[in-house]
Amino acid sequence: MTSIGQDISISFRTELEDAGDIELVVVMPTFRRPEHLIKTLKTIVSQRPDVAFATVVVENDNEGLAGTAAAKDFFLGHPSDSLVIIAHQRGNCHAYNAGFAMALETYPNLQAIAIIDDDEIAAPEWLDCLVAAQQATGADMVGGPQLPVFEDAGGQKWKRHPVFTPHYETTGPVPILFSSGNVLVTRRVLDAVPRPFLDPAFNFIGGGDADFYSRCKAQGFTFAWSKEAWVAETVPGRRTSASWVRARSLRNGAISTMLEHRRDPSFGGRARTLGKSLALLAAALPRGVKLWRKTGLLSAGFYHFYVAVGRLMAEAGLVNEQYRNPEKN
């Protein structure tokens, strides 16, 4: 194991191509999901994009190191350009930041980073579709759907709930992205945004990705969506309870208020955010009825109400860890 600083260590590395030939890197944070990590890696090494690519696995459990052991064993049996590193500081933002920094340091001609989580399975042409959408639109960042695959058969009913549905339906330019679980980030973004890329203040709250996109948009960077670049996200049974879905809805609202306060912390800005929250609460009933009719799911009808309540609770400083990031890992 090689230490390159107190925060990151290199545990394992394989090289097939010269590092200077690598133009695309897949960054995959992992935390205590070694079995699913192997499933994800199988779908990564089978990708065949037109450019040389490498995989960086970021272990974020520096005590158990189960992901490190699983990834090392996998790459020994599936030779490819790969790195397995340990981000010693716990938290998903630290993990992403470590992966980005290592990719930039290791591969000097890197053009883009693709991100996938360790509970996801990539589509057969996932990388090709992300790159194609980026080239077609010229966008600085491209996202794709995270399609839920419910471990609990009874969870299938939640598929139409806004918590689990993709943010966009068609391929092309979009105003902004929201999730880091399936995204392509170009080199020009990584070179321009200040480090740390994702703010560690969001490590255990959630919303570090949304904050990153918000800051990127403020700098003039653009976004696109690729419907074809899907990943299948495994959803455990504990995330299909009404209480978990309600907590995630409240969290979504709370994070939106926090980000608006960050963008404009002035009295006027906070007043506008409060006004927006109250307006969303007032509109929650008709919007909820419309969503209920569209999805046929009664619980979906409460989504806009819970988002508005979450926003107002954040306004009042009543946010707590339980619903800000319900069972993130």
C-alpha atoms as a PDB file:
ATOM      1  CA  MET A   1       0.000   0.000   0.000  1.00  0.00           C
ATOM      2  CA  THR A   2       1.373   3.399  -0.972  1.00  0.00           C
ATOM      3  CA  SER A   3       0.438   6.578   0.890  1.00  0.00           C
ATOM      4  CA  ILE A   4       0.280   9.779  -1.152  1.00  0.00           C
ATOM      5  CA  GLY A   5      -0.827  11.906   1.779  1.00  0.00           C
ATOM      6  CA  GLN A   6      -2.674  11.537   5.040  1.00  0.00           C
ATOM      7  CA  ASP A   7      -6.067  11.362   3.298  1.00  0.00           C
ATOM      8  CA  ILE A   8      -5.466   8.940   0.388  1.00  0.00           C
ATOM      9  CA  SER A   9      -3.542   5.684  -0.013  1.00  0.00           C
ATOM     10  CA  ILE A  10      -3.078   3.555  -3.127  1.00  0.00           C
ATOM     11  CA  SER A  11      -3.855  -0.068  -2.310  1.00  0.00           C
ATOM     12  CA  PHE A  12      -3.648  -1.702  -5.741  1.00  0.00           C
ATOM     13  CA  ARG A  13      -2.944  -0.758  -9.354  1.00  0.00           C
ATOM     14  CA  THR A  14      -2.963  -2.503 -12.724  1.00  0.00           C
ATOM     15  CA  GLU A  15      -1.805  -0.995 -16.015  1.00  0.00           C
ATOM     16  CA  LEU A  16      -2.482  -2.210 -19.535  1.00  0.00           C
ATOM     17  CA  GLU A  17      -2.262   1.137 -21.332  1.00  0.00           C
ATOM     18  CA  ASP A  18       0.214   3.941 -20.831  1.00  0.00           C
ATOM     19  CA  ALA A  19      -1.261   6.381 -18.310  1.00  0.00           C
ATOM     20  CA  GLY A  20      -0.945   9.134 -20.899  1.00  0.00           C
ATOM     21  CA  ASP A  21      -3.332   7.292 -23.219  1.00  0.00           C
ATOM     22  CA  ILE A  22      -6.200   7.192 -20.717  1.00  0.00           C
ATOM     23  CA  GLU A  23      -8.834   9.816 -21.557  1.00  0.00           C
ATOM     24  CA  LEU A  24     -11.810   8.581 -19.532  1.00  0.00           C
ATOM     25  CA  VAL A  25     -11.917   7.410 -15.905  1.00  0.00           C
ATOM     26  CA  VAL A  26     -14.768   5.714 -14.075  1.00  0.00           C
ATOM     27  CA  VAL A  27     -14.795   6.699 -10.399  1.00  0.00           C
ATOM     28  CA  MET A  28     -16.657   4.362  -8.059  1.00  0.00           C
ATOM     29  CA  PRO A  29     -16.873   5.106  -4.320  1.00  0.00           C
ATOM     30  CA  THR A  30     -17.640   2.072  -2.168  1.00  0.00           C
ATOM     31  CA  PHE A  31     -18.681   1.588   1.445  1.00  0.00           C
ATOM     32  CA  ARG A  32     -19.374  -1.858   2.899  1.00  0.00           C
ATOM     33  CA  ARG A  33     -20.985  -3.364  -0.198  1.00  0.00           C
ATOM     34  CA  PRO A  34     -18.284  -5.795  -1.414  1.00  0.00           C
ATOM     35  CA  GLU A  35     -20.685  -8.255  -3.031  1.00  0.00           C
ATOM     36  CA  HIS A  36     -22.507  -5.609  -5.035  1.00  0.00           C
ATOM     37  CA  LEU A  37     -19.233  -3.872  -5.841  1.00  0.00           C
ATOM     38  CA  ILE A  38     -18.197  -6.962  -7.806  1.00  0.00           C
ATOM     39  CA  LYS A  39     -21.506  -6.914  -9.713  1.00  0.00           C
ATOM     40  CA  THR A  40     -20.920  -3.280 -10.615  1.00  0.00           C
ATOM     41  CA  LEU A  41     -17.313  -3.842 -11.676  1.00  0.00           C
ATOM     42  CA  LYS A  42     -18.354  -6.644 -14.028  1.00  0.00           C
ATOM     43  CA  THR A  43     -20.527  -4.184 -15.929  1.00  0.00           C
ATOM     44  CA  ILE A  44     -17.723  -1.602 -15.995  1.00  0.00           C
ATOM     45  CA  VAL A  45     -14.920  -3.756 -17.419  1.00  0.00           C
ATOM     46  CA  SER A  46     -17.289  -4.964 -20.144  1.00  0.00           C
ATOM     47  CA  GLN A  47     -17.728  -1.411 -21.464  1.00  0.00           C
ATOM     48  CA  ARG A  48     -16.143  -0.710 -24.853  1.00  0.00           C
ATOM     49  CA  PRO A  49     -15.983   3.051 -25.398  1.00  0.00           C
ATOM     50  CA  ASP A  50     -13.998   4.472 -28.300  1.00  0.00           C
ATOM     51  CA  VAL A  51     -11.351   5.887 -25.948  1.00  0.00           C
ATOM     52  CA  ALA A  52      -9.041   4.189 -23.469  1.00  0.00           C
ATOM     53  CA  PHE A  53     -10.468   4.247 -19.961  1.00  0.00           C
ATOM     54  CA  ALA A  54      -9.516   3.270 -16.424  1.00  0.00           C
ATOM     55  CA  THR A  55     -11.449   2.518 -13.239  1.00  0.00           C
ATOM     56  CA  VAL A  56     -10.749   4.089  -9.854  1.00  0.00           C
ATOM     57  CA  VAL A  57     -12.402   2.340  -6.909  1.00  0.00           C
ATOM     58  CA  VAL A  58     -12.493   4.516  -3.786  1.00  0.00           C
ATOM     59  CA  GLU A  59     -12.736   2.581  -0.521  1.00  0.00           C
ATOM     60  CA  ASN A  60     -14.305   4.738   2.184  1.00  0.00           C
ATOM     61  CA  ASP A  61     -14.192   2.216   5.024  1.00  0.00           C
ATOM     62  CA  ASN A  62     -10.593   2.347   6.208  1.00  0.00           C
ATOM     63  CA  GLU A  63     -11.347  -0.041   9.058  1.00  0.00           C
ATOM     64  CA  GLY A  64     -13.053  -3.027   7.397  1.00  0.00           C
ATOM     65  CA  LEU A  65     -11.555  -2.566   3.895  1.00  0.00           C
ATOM     66  CA  ALA A  66     -13.940  -5.169   2.479  1.00  0.00           C
ATOM     67  CA  GLY A  67     -14.321  -3.190  -0.725  1.00  0.00           C
ATOM     68  CA  THR A  68     -10.555  -2.965  -1.150  1.00  0.00           C
ATOM     69  CA  ALA A  69     -10.144  -6.729  -0.864  1.00  0.00           C
ATOM     70  CA  ALA A  70     -13.062  -7.416  -3.219  1.00  0.00           C
ATOM     71  CA  ALA A  71     -11.847  -4.958  -5.865  1.00  0.00           C
ATOM     72  CA  LYS A  72      -8.262  -6.247  -5.724  1.00  0.00           C
ATOM     73  CA  ASP A  73      -9.394  -9.856  -6.182  1.00  0.00           C
ATOM     74  CA  PHE A  74     -11.642  -8.805  -9.047  1.00  0.00           C
ATOM     75  CA  PHE A  75      -8.957  -6.894 -10.942  1.00  0.00           C
ATOM     76  CA  LEU A  76      -6.468  -9.746 -10.485  1.00  0.00           C
ATOM     77  CA  GLY A  77      -8.927 -11.934 -12.363  1.00  0.00           C
ATOM     78  CA  HIS A  78     -10.037  -9.263 -14.832  1.00  0.00           C
ATOM     79  CA  PRO A  79      -6.925  -7.331 -15.919  1.00  0.00           C
ATOM     80  CA  SER A  80      -7.723  -3.748 -16.865  1.00  0.00           C
ATOM     81  CA  ASP A  81      -6.436  -0.276 -16.189  1.00  0.00           C
ATOM     82  CA  SER A  82      -7.466   0.214 -12.593  1.00  0.00           C
ATOM     83  CA  LEU A  83      -6.676   1.803  -9.258  1.00  0.00           C
ATOM     84  CA  VAL A  84      -7.977   0.877  -5.824  1.00  0.00           C
ATOM     85  CA  ILE A  85      -7.480   3.686  -3.342  1.00  0.00           C
ATOM     86  CA  ILE A  86      -8.487   4.345   0.245  1.00  0.00           C
ATOM     87  CA  ALA A  87     -10.050   7.658   1.226  1.00  0.00           C
ATOM     88  CA  HIS A  88      -9.212   7.712   4.916  1.00  0.00           C
ATOM     89  CA  GLN A  89     -11.628  10.505   5.768  1.00  0.00           C
ATOM     90  CA  ARG A  90     -15.132   9.084   6.104  1.00  0.00           C
ATOM     91  CA  GLY A  91     -17.955  10.620   4.100  1.00  0.00           C
ATOM     92  CA  ASN A  92     -19.246  10.433   0.540  1.00  0.00           C
ATOM     93  CA  CYS A  93     -17.944  13.886  -0.404  1.00  0.00           C
ATOM     94  CA  HIS A  94     -14.449  12.919   0.761  1.00  0.00           C
ATOM     95  CA  ALA A  95     -14.703   9.726  -1.317  1.00  0.00           C
ATOM     96  CA  TYR A  96     -15.699  11.550  -4.497  1.00  0.00           C
ATOM     97  CA  ASN A  97     -13.020  14.186  -3.963  1.00  0.00           C
ATOM     98  CA  ALA A  98     -10.354  11.512  -3.479  1.00  0.00           C
ATOM     99  CA  GLY A  99     -11.401   9.743  -6.672  1.00  0.00           C
ATOM    100  CA  PHE A 100     -11.408  12.950  -8.715  1.00  0.00           C
ATOM    101  CA  ALA A 101      -8.018  14.049  -7.380  1.00  0.00           C
ATOM    102  CA  MET A 102      -6.427  10.646  -7.985  1.00  0.00           C
ATOM    103  CA  ALA A 103      -7.781  10.442 -11.529  1.00  0.00           C
ATOM    104  CA  LEU A 104      -6.396  13.880 -12.378  1.00  0.00           C
ATOM    105  CA  GLU A 105      -3.032  13.108 -10.804  1.00  0.00           C
ATOM    106  CA  THR A 106      -2.615   9.682 -12.392  1.00  0.00           C
ATOM    107  CA  TYR A 107      -3.906  10.259 -15.928  1.00  0.00           C
ATOM    108  CA  PRO A 108      -2.500  13.519 -17.342  1.00  0.00           C
ATOM    109  CA  ASN A 109      -4.592  13.469 -20.544  1.00  0.00           C
ATOM    110  CA  LEU A 110      -7.874  12.776 -18.790  1.00  0.00           C
ATOM    111  CA  GLN A 111     -10.825  14.342 -20.625  1.00  0.00           C
ATOM    112  CA  ALA A 112     -13.764  13.273 -18.460  1.00  0.00           C
ATOM    113  CA  ILE A 113     -14.769  11.346 -15.357  1.00  0.00           C
ATOM    114  CA  ALA A 114     -17.819   9.086 -15.213  1.00  0.00           C
ATOM    115  CA  ILE A 115     -19.276   8.303 -11.791  1.00  0.00           C
ATOM    116  CA  ILE A 116     -21.205   5.242 -10.719  1.00  0.00           C
ATOM    117  CA  ASP A 117     -22.118   4.052  -7.217  1.00  0.00           C
ATOM    118  CA  ASP A 118     -21.418   0.608  -5.798  1.00  0.00           C
ATOM    119  CA  ASP A 119     -25.124  -0.295  -5.639  1.00  0.00           C
ATOM    120  CA  GLU A 120     -25.675   0.191  -9.379  1.00  0.00           C
ATOM    121  CA  ILE A 121     -25.352  -1.878 -12.546  1.00  0.00           C
ATOM    122  CA  ALA A 122     -24.326  -0.091 -15.743  1.00  0.00           C
ATOM    123  CA  ALA A 123     -26.124  -0.504 -19.049  1.00  0.00           C
ATOM    124  CA  PRO A 124     -24.048  -2.360 -21.687  1.00  0.00           C
ATOM    125  CA  GLU A 125     -23.266   0.879 -23.563  1.00  0.00           C
ATOM    126  CA  TRP A 126     -23.386   3.195 -20.575  1.00  0.00           C
ATOM    127  CA  LEU A 127     -20.092   4.982 -21.228  1.00  0.00           C
ATOM    128  CA  ASP A 128     -20.720   5.258 -24.969  1.00  0.00           C
ATOM    129  CA  CYS A 129     -24.104   6.881 -24.347  1.00  0.00           C
ATOM    130  CA  LEU A 130     -22.744   9.395 -21.832  1.00  0.00           C
ATOM    131  CA  VAL A 131     -19.914  10.388 -24.164  1.00  0.00           C
ATOM    132  CA  ALA A 132     -22.227  10.562 -27.182  1.00  0.00           C
ATOM    133  CA  ALA A 133     -24.637  12.878 -25.345  1.00  0.00           C
ATOM    134  CA  GLN A 134     -21.772  15.096 -24.250  1.00  0.00           C
ATOM    135  CA  GLN A 135     -20.409  15.356 -27.772  1.00  0.00           C
ATOM    136  CA  ALA A 136     -23.840  15.989 -29.284  1.00  0.00           C
ATOM    137  CA  THR A 137     -24.806  18.740 -26.858  1.00  0.00           C
ATOM    138  CA  GLY A 138     -21.427  20.172 -25.900  1.00  0.00           C
ATOM    139  CA  ALA A 139     -22.570  20.087 -22.282  1.00  0.00           C
ATOM    140  CA  ASP A 140     -20.034  20.189 -19.482  1.00  0.00           C
ATOM    141  CA  MET A 141     -21.845  17.501 -17.482  1.00  0.00           C
ATOM    142  CA  VAL A 142     -24.195  14.712 -18.558  1.00  0.00           C
ATOM    143  CA  GLY A 143     -26.476  12.705 -16.281  1.00  0.00           C
ATOM    144  CA  GLY A 144     -28.482   9.558 -16.818  1.00  0.00           C
ATOM    145  CA  PRO A 145     -31.358   7.664 -15.158  1.00  0.00           C
ATOM    146  CA  GLN A 146     -30.920   5.607 -12.019  1.00  0.00           C
ATOM    147  CA  LEU A 147     -33.629   2.995 -12.509  1.00  0.00           C
ATOM    148  CA  PRO A 148     -34.731   1.307  -9.265  1.00  0.00           C
ATOM    149  CA  VAL A 149     -34.555  -2.461  -8.883  1.00  0.00           C
ATOM    150  CA  PHE A 150     -36.371  -3.351  -5.671  1.00  0.00           C
ATOM    151  CA  GLU A 151     -35.018  -6.243  -3.607  1.00  0.00           C
ATOM    152  CA  ASP A 152     -38.363  -6.531  -1.851  1.00  0.00           C
ATOM    153  CA  ALA A 153     -41.092  -7.644  -4.249  1.00  0.00           C
ATOM    154  CA  GLY A 154     -43.556  -5.449  -2.385  1.00  0.00           C
ATOM    155  CA  GLY A 155     -41.445  -2.402  -3.156  1.00  0.00           C
ATOM    156  CA  GLN A 156     -42.384  -2.408  -6.835  1.00  0.00           C
ATOM    157  CA  LYS A 157     -45.331  -0.132  -6.087  1.00  0.00           C
ATOM    158  CA  TRP A 158     -42.891   2.678  -5.264  1.00  0.00           C
ATOM    159  CA  LYS A 159     -41.435   2.713  -8.778  1.00  0.00           C
ATOM    160  CA  ARG A 160     -43.730   5.576  -9.785  1.00  0.00           C
ATOM    161  CA  HIS A 161     -42.980   7.690  -6.701  1.00  0.00           C
ATOM    162  CA  PRO A 162     -40.954  10.883  -7.373  1.00  0.00           C
ATOM    163  CA  VAL A 163     -38.287   9.715  -4.922  1.00  0.00           C
ATOM    164  CA  PHE A 164     -37.433   6.882  -7.327  1.00  0.00           C
ATOM    165  CA  THR A 165     -38.241   8.288 -10.774  1.00  0.00           C
ATOM    166  CA  PRO A 166     -35.601   9.914 -13.052  1.00  0.00           C
ATOM    167  CA  HIS A 167     -35.532  13.689 -13.108  1.00  0.00           C
ATOM    168  CA  TYR A 168     -35.844  13.905 -16.902  1.00  0.00           C
ATOM    169  CA  GLU A 169     -37.448  11.745 -19.605  1.00  0.00           C
ATOM    170  CA  THR A 170     -35.688  12.719 -22.851  1.00  0.00           C
ATOM    171  CA  THR A 171     -32.117  13.025 -24.088  1.00  0.00           C
ATOM    172  CA  GLY A 172     -30.769  16.538 -24.575  1.00  0.00           C
ATOM    173  CA  PRO A 173     -29.829  19.732 -22.734  1.00  0.00           C
ATOM    174  CA  VAL A 174     -31.327  20.206 -19.247  1.00  0.00           C
ATOM    175  CA  PRO A 175     -31.225  23.096 -16.746  1.00  0.00           C
ATOM    176  CA  ILE A 176     -29.238  21.251 -14.059  1.00  0.00           C
ATOM    177  CA  LEU A 177     -28.503  17.822 -12.592  1.00  0.00           C
ATOM    178  CA  PHE A 178     -29.222  16.560  -9.086  1.00  0.00           C
ATOM    179  CA  SER A 179     -27.538  13.199  -8.421  1.00  0.00           C
ATOM    180  CA  SER A 180     -23.918  12.074  -8.589  1.00  0.00           C
ATOM    181  CA  GLY A 181     -24.764   8.385  -8.963  1.00  0.00           C
ATOM    182  CA  ASN A 182     -24.704   8.435 -12.772  1.00  0.00           C
ATOM    183  CA  VAL A 183     -22.937  11.375 -14.361  1.00  0.00           C
ATOM    184  CA  LEU A 184     -20.124  12.372 -16.730  1.00  0.00           C
ATOM    185  CA  VAL A 185     -18.035  15.401 -15.681  1.00  0.00           C
ATOM    186  CA  THR A 186     -15.672  16.937 -18.230  1.00  0.00           C
ATOM    187  CA  ARG A 187     -12.093  17.973 -17.542  1.00  0.00           C
ATOM    188  CA  ARG A 188     -12.841  21.668 -18.008  1.00  0.00           C
ATOM    189  CA  VAL A 189     -15.180  21.537 -15.007  1.00  0.00           C
ATOM    190  CA  LEU A 190     -12.624  19.768 -12.822  1.00  0.00           C
ATOM    191  CA  ASP A 191      -9.949  22.275 -13.786  1.00  0.00           C
ATOM    192  CA  ALA A 192     -12.160  25.290 -13.092  1.00  0.00           C
ATOM    193  CA  VAL A 193     -13.986  24.555  -9.847  1.00  0.00           C
ATOM    194  CA  PRO A 194     -12.142  25.142  -6.572  1.00  0.00           C
ATOM    195  CA  ARG A 195     -11.128  22.181  -4.443  1.00  0.00           C
ATOM    196  CA  PRO A 196     -12.524  20.364  -2.613  1.00  0.00           C
ATOM    197  CA  PHE A 197     -14.855  19.613  -5.500  1.00  0.00           C
ATOM    198  CA  LEU A 198     -17.721  18.491  -3.244  1.00  0.00           C
ATOM    199  CA  ASP A 199     -18.110  20.374   0.016  1.00  0.00           C
ATOM    200  CA  PRO A 200     -17.415  18.028   2.981  1.00  0.00           C
ATOM    201  CA  ALA A 201     -20.010  19.951   4.977  1.00  0.00           C
ATOM    202  CA  PHE A 202     -22.554  17.763   3.143  1.00  0.00           C
ATOM    203  CA  ASN A 203     -20.807  14.463   3.940  1.00  0.00           C
ATOM    204  CA  PHE A 204     -23.484  13.056   6.224  1.00  0.00           C
ATOM    205  CA  ILE A 205     -26.345  15.348   5.299  1.00  0.00           C
ATOM    206  CA  GLY A 206     -26.702  14.551   1.627  1.00  0.00           C
ATOM    207  CA  GLY A 207     -26.877  17.182  -1.078  1.00  0.00           C
ATOM    208  CA  GLY A 208     -23.155  17.556  -1.753  1.00  0.00           C
ATOM    209  CA  ASP A 209     -23.784  16.675  -5.390  1.00  0.00           C
ATOM    210  CA  ALA A 210     -26.645  19.160  -5.715  1.00  0.00           C
ATOM    211  CA  ASP A 211     -24.464  21.858  -4.153  1.00  0.00           C
ATOM    212  CA  PHE A 212     -21.659  21.015  -6.613  1.00  0.00           C
ATOM    213  CA  TYR A 213     -24.006  21.353  -9.594  1.00  0.00           C
ATOM    214  CA  SER A 214     -25.420  24.587  -8.214  1.00  0.00           C
ATOM    215  CA  ARG A 215     -21.945  26.099  -7.951  1.00  0.00           C
ATOM    216  CA  CYS A 216     -21.042  24.840 -11.421  1.00  0.00           C
ATOM    217  CA  LYS A 217     -24.171  26.398 -12.899  1.00  0.00           C
ATOM    218  CA  ALA A 218     -23.272  29.708 -11.249  1.00  0.00           C
ATOM    219  CA  GLN A 219     -19.926  29.524 -13.087  1.00  0.00           C
ATOM    220  CA  GLY A 220     -21.706  29.099 -16.411  1.00  0.00           C
ATOM    221  CA  PHE A 221     -21.272  25.355 -16.955  1.00  0.00           C
ATOM    222  CA  THR A 222     -23.994  23.492 -18.831  1.00  0.00           C
ATOM    223  CA  PHE A 223     -25.836  20.206 -18.387  1.00  0.00           C
ATOM    224  CA  ALA A 224     -27.430  17.473 -20.491  1.00  0.00           C
ATOM    225  CA  TRP A 225     -29.301  14.214 -20.021  1.00  0.00           C
ATOM    226  CA  SER A 226     -28.899  10.843 -21.713  1.00  0.00           C
ATOM    227  CA  LYS A 227     -31.941   8.628 -21.341  1.00  0.00           C
ATOM    228  CA  GLU A 228     -29.965   5.755 -22.890  1.00  0.00           C
ATOM    229  CA  ALA A 229     -27.118   5.954 -20.339  1.00  0.00           C
ATOM    230  CA  TRP A 230     -29.075   4.231 -17.592  1.00  0.00           C
ATOM    231  CA  VAL A 231     -27.886   2.387 -14.542  1.00  0.00           C
ATOM    232  CA  ALA A 232     -29.971  -0.032 -12.474  1.00  0.00           C
ATOM    233  CA  GLU A 233     -29.883   0.879  -8.776  1.00  0.00           C
ATOM    234  CA  THR A 234     -30.509  -1.852  -6.223  1.00  0.00           C
ATOM    235  CA  VAL A 235     -33.015  -0.624  -3.622  1.00  0.00           C
ATOM    236  CA  PRO A 236     -33.002  -2.607  -0.357  1.00  0.00           C
ATOM    237  CA  GLY A 237     -36.258  -3.396   1.401  1.00  0.00           C
ATOM    238  CA  ARG A 238     -35.647  -0.886   4.188  1.00  0.00           C
ATOM    239  CA  ARG A 239     -35.933   1.917   1.623  1.00  0.00           C
ATOM    240  CA  THR A 240     -39.423   0.938   0.563  1.00  0.00           C
ATOM    241  CA  SER A 241     -41.186   1.734   3.813  1.00  0.00           C
ATOM    242  CA  ALA A 242     -43.534   4.704   3.951  1.00  0.00           C
ATOM    243  CA  SER A 243     -41.438   6.247   6.736  1.00  0.00           C
ATOM    244  CA  TRP A 244     -38.208   6.109   4.683  1.00  0.00           C
ATOM    245  CA  VAL A 245     -39.863   7.611   1.595  1.00  0.00           C
ATOM    246  CA  ARG A 246     -41.388  10.362   3.737  1.00  0.00           C
ATOM    247  CA  ALA A 247     -37.997  11.088   5.312  1.00  0.00           C
ATOM    248  CA  ARG A 248     -36.336  11.279   1.900  1.00  0.00           C
ATOM    249  CA  SER A 249     -39.036  13.673   0.676  1.00  0.00           C
ATOM    250  CA  LEU A 250     -38.514  15.927   3.689  1.00  0.00           C
ATOM    251  CA  ARG A 251     -34.758  15.756   3.125  1.00  0.00           C
ATOM    252  CA  ASN A 252     -35.162  16.840  -0.499  1.00  0.00           C
ATOM    253  CA  GLY A 253     -37.047  19.906   0.641  1.00  0.00           C
ATOM    254  CA  ALA A 254     -34.575  20.730   3.393  1.00  0.00           C
ATOM    255  CA  ILE A 255     -31.597  20.498   1.061  1.00  0.00           C
ATOM    256  CA  SER A 256     -33.238  22.771  -1.511  1.00  0.00           C
ATOM    257  CA  THR A 257     -33.651  25.454   1.158  1.00  0.00           C
ATOM    258  CA  MET A 258     -30.059  25.029   2.345  1.00  0.00           C
ATOM    259  CA  LEU A 259     -28.747  25.454  -1.194  1.00  0.00           C
ATOM    260  CA  GLU A 260     -30.843  28.563  -1.792  1.00  0.00           C
ATOM    261  CA  HIS A 261     -29.519  30.080   1.437  1.00  0.00           C
ATOM    262  CA  ARG A 262     -25.985  29.344   0.258  1.00  0.00           C
ATOM    263  CA  ARG A 263     -26.559  31.018  -3.094  1.00  0.00           C
ATOM    264  CA  ASP A 264     -27.992  34.140  -1.512  1.00  0.00           C
ATOM    265  CA  PRO A 265     -27.557  34.438   2.271  1.00  0.00           C
ATOM    266  CA  SER A 266     -28.721  38.058   2.338  1.00  0.00           C
ATOM    267  CA  PHE A 267     -31.916  39.064   4.110  1.00  0.00           C
ATOM    268  CA  GLY A 268     -33.604  39.562   0.744  1.00  0.00           C
ATOM    269  CA  GLY A 269     -32.454  36.170  -0.464  1.00  0.00           C
ATOM    270  CA  ARG A 270     -33.697  34.402   2.629  1.00  0.00           C
ATOM    271  CA  ALA A 271     -37.006  36.244   2.370  1.00  0.00           C
ATOM    272  CA  ARG A 272     -37.406  35.057  -1.226  1.00  0.00           C
ATOM    273  CA  THR A 273     -36.639  31.486  -0.176  1.00  0.00           C
ATOM    274  CA  LEU A 274     -39.223  31.662   2.586  1.00  0.00           C
ATOM    275  CA  GLY A 275     -41.771  33.050   0.152  1.00  0.00           C
ATOM    276  CA  LYS A 276     -41.048  30.237  -2.278  1.00  0.00           C
ATOM    277  CA  SER A 277     -41.461  27.660   0.501  1.00  0.00           C
ATOM    278  CA  LEU A 278     -44.831  29.101   1.499  1.00  0.00           C
ATOM    279  CA  ALA A 279     -45.947  29.192  -2.140  1.00  0.00           C
ATOM    280  CA  LEU A 280     -44.956  25.537  -2.570  1.00  0.00           C
ATOM    281  CA  LEU A 281     -46.914  24.634   0.541  1.00  0.00           C
ATOM    282  CA  ALA A 282     -49.977  26.421  -0.797  1.00  0.00           C
ATOM    283  CA  ALA A 283     -49.642  24.634  -4.138  1.00  0.00           C
ATOM    284  CA  ALA A 284     -48.986  21.222  -2.589  1.00  0.00           C
ATOM    285  CA  LEU A 285     -52.635  20.108  -2.604  1.00  0.00           C
ATOM    286  CA  PRO A 286     -53.456  20.670  -6.304  1.00  0.00           C
ATOM    287  CA  ARG A 287     -50.008  19.435  -7.358  1.00  0.00           C
ATOM    288  CA  GLY A 288     -50.427  16.387  -5.146  1.00  0.00           C
ATOM    289  CA  VAL A 289     -53.808  15.517  -6.592  1.00  0.00           C
ATOM    290  CA  LYS A 290     -52.376  15.821 -10.111  1.00  0.00           C
ATOM    291  CA  LEU A 291     -49.456  13.574  -9.229  1.00  0.00           C
ATOM    292  CA  TRP A 292     -51.748  11.034  -7.563  1.00  0.00           C
ATOM    293  CA  ARG A 293     -53.861  10.847 -10.726  1.00  0.00           C
ATOM    294  CA  LYS A 294     -50.779  10.543 -12.939  1.00  0.00           C
ATOM    295  CA  THR A 295     -49.072   7.796 -10.927  1.00  0.00           C
ATOM    296  CA  GLY A 296     -52.076   6.068  -9.387  1.00  0.00           C
ATOM    297  CA  LEU A 297     -50.079   6.074  -6.149  1.00  0.00           C
ATOM    298  CA  LEU A 298     -51.731   7.805  -3.205  1.00  0.00           C
ATOM    299  CA  SER A 299     -48.455   8.201  -1.326  1.00  0.00           C
ATOM    300  CA  ALA A 300     -47.001  10.094  -4.296  1.00  0.00           C
ATOM    301  CA  GLY A 301     -49.712  12.687  -3.789  1.00  0.00           C
ATOM    302  CA  PHE A 302     -48.065  13.727  -0.531  1.00  0.00           C
ATOM    303  CA  TYR A 303     -44.623  14.270  -2.042  1.00  0.00           C
ATOM    304  CA  HIS A 304     -44.948  17.996  -2.758  1.00  0.00           C
ATOM    305  CA  PHE A 305     -46.424  18.561   0.704  1.00  0.00           C
ATOM    306  CA  TYR A 306     -43.484  16.846   2.418  1.00  0.00           C
ATOM    307  CA  VAL A 307     -40.982  18.757   0.281  1.00  0.00           C
ATOM    308  CA  ALA A 308     -42.597  22.052   1.295  1.00  0.00           C
ATOM    309  CA  VAL A 309     -42.643  21.012   4.971  1.00  0.00           C
ATOM    310  CA  GLY A 310     -38.973  20.016   4.741  1.00  0.00           C
ATOM    311  CA  ARG A 311     -38.149  23.424   3.313  1.00  0.00           C
ATOM    312  CA  LEU A 312     -39.968  25.201   6.118  1.00  0.00           C
ATOM    313  CA  MET A 313     -38.367  23.032   8.791  1.00  0.00           C
ATOM    314  CA  ALA A 314     -34.950  23.948   7.383  1.00  0.00           C
ATOM    315  CA  GLU A 315     -35.986  27.608   7.461  1.00  0.00           C
ATOM    316  CA  ALA A 316     -36.785  27.207  11.164  1.00  0.00           C
ATOM    317  CA  GLY A 317     -33.551  25.354  11.905  1.00  0.00           C
ATOM    318  CA  LEU A 318     -35.421  22.165  12.800  1.00  0.00           C
ATOM    319  CA  VAL A 319     -33.477  19.909  10.449  1.00  0.00           C
ATOM    320  CA  ASN A 320     -32.128  16.716  11.990  1.00  0.00           C
ATOM    321  CA  GLU A 321     -29.849  13.964  10.668  1.00  0.00           C
ATOM    322  CA  GLN A 322     -32.601  11.346  10.626  1.00  0.00           C
ATOM    323  CA  TYR A 323     -34.511  12.863   7.738  1.00  0.00           C
ATOM    324  CA  ARG A 324     -31.773  14.923   6.148  1.00  0.00           C
ATOM    325  CA  ASN A 325     -30.034  11.743   5.048  1.00  0.00           C
ATOM    326  CA  PRO A 326     -32.215   8.719   5.842  1.00  0.00           C
ATOM    327  CA  GLU A 327     -30.093   5.554   5.687  1.00  0.00           C
ATOM    328  CA  LYS A 328     -27.683   6.918   3.101  1.00  0.00           C
ATOM    329  CA  ASN A 329     -25.477   3.833   3.246  1.00  0.00           C
END
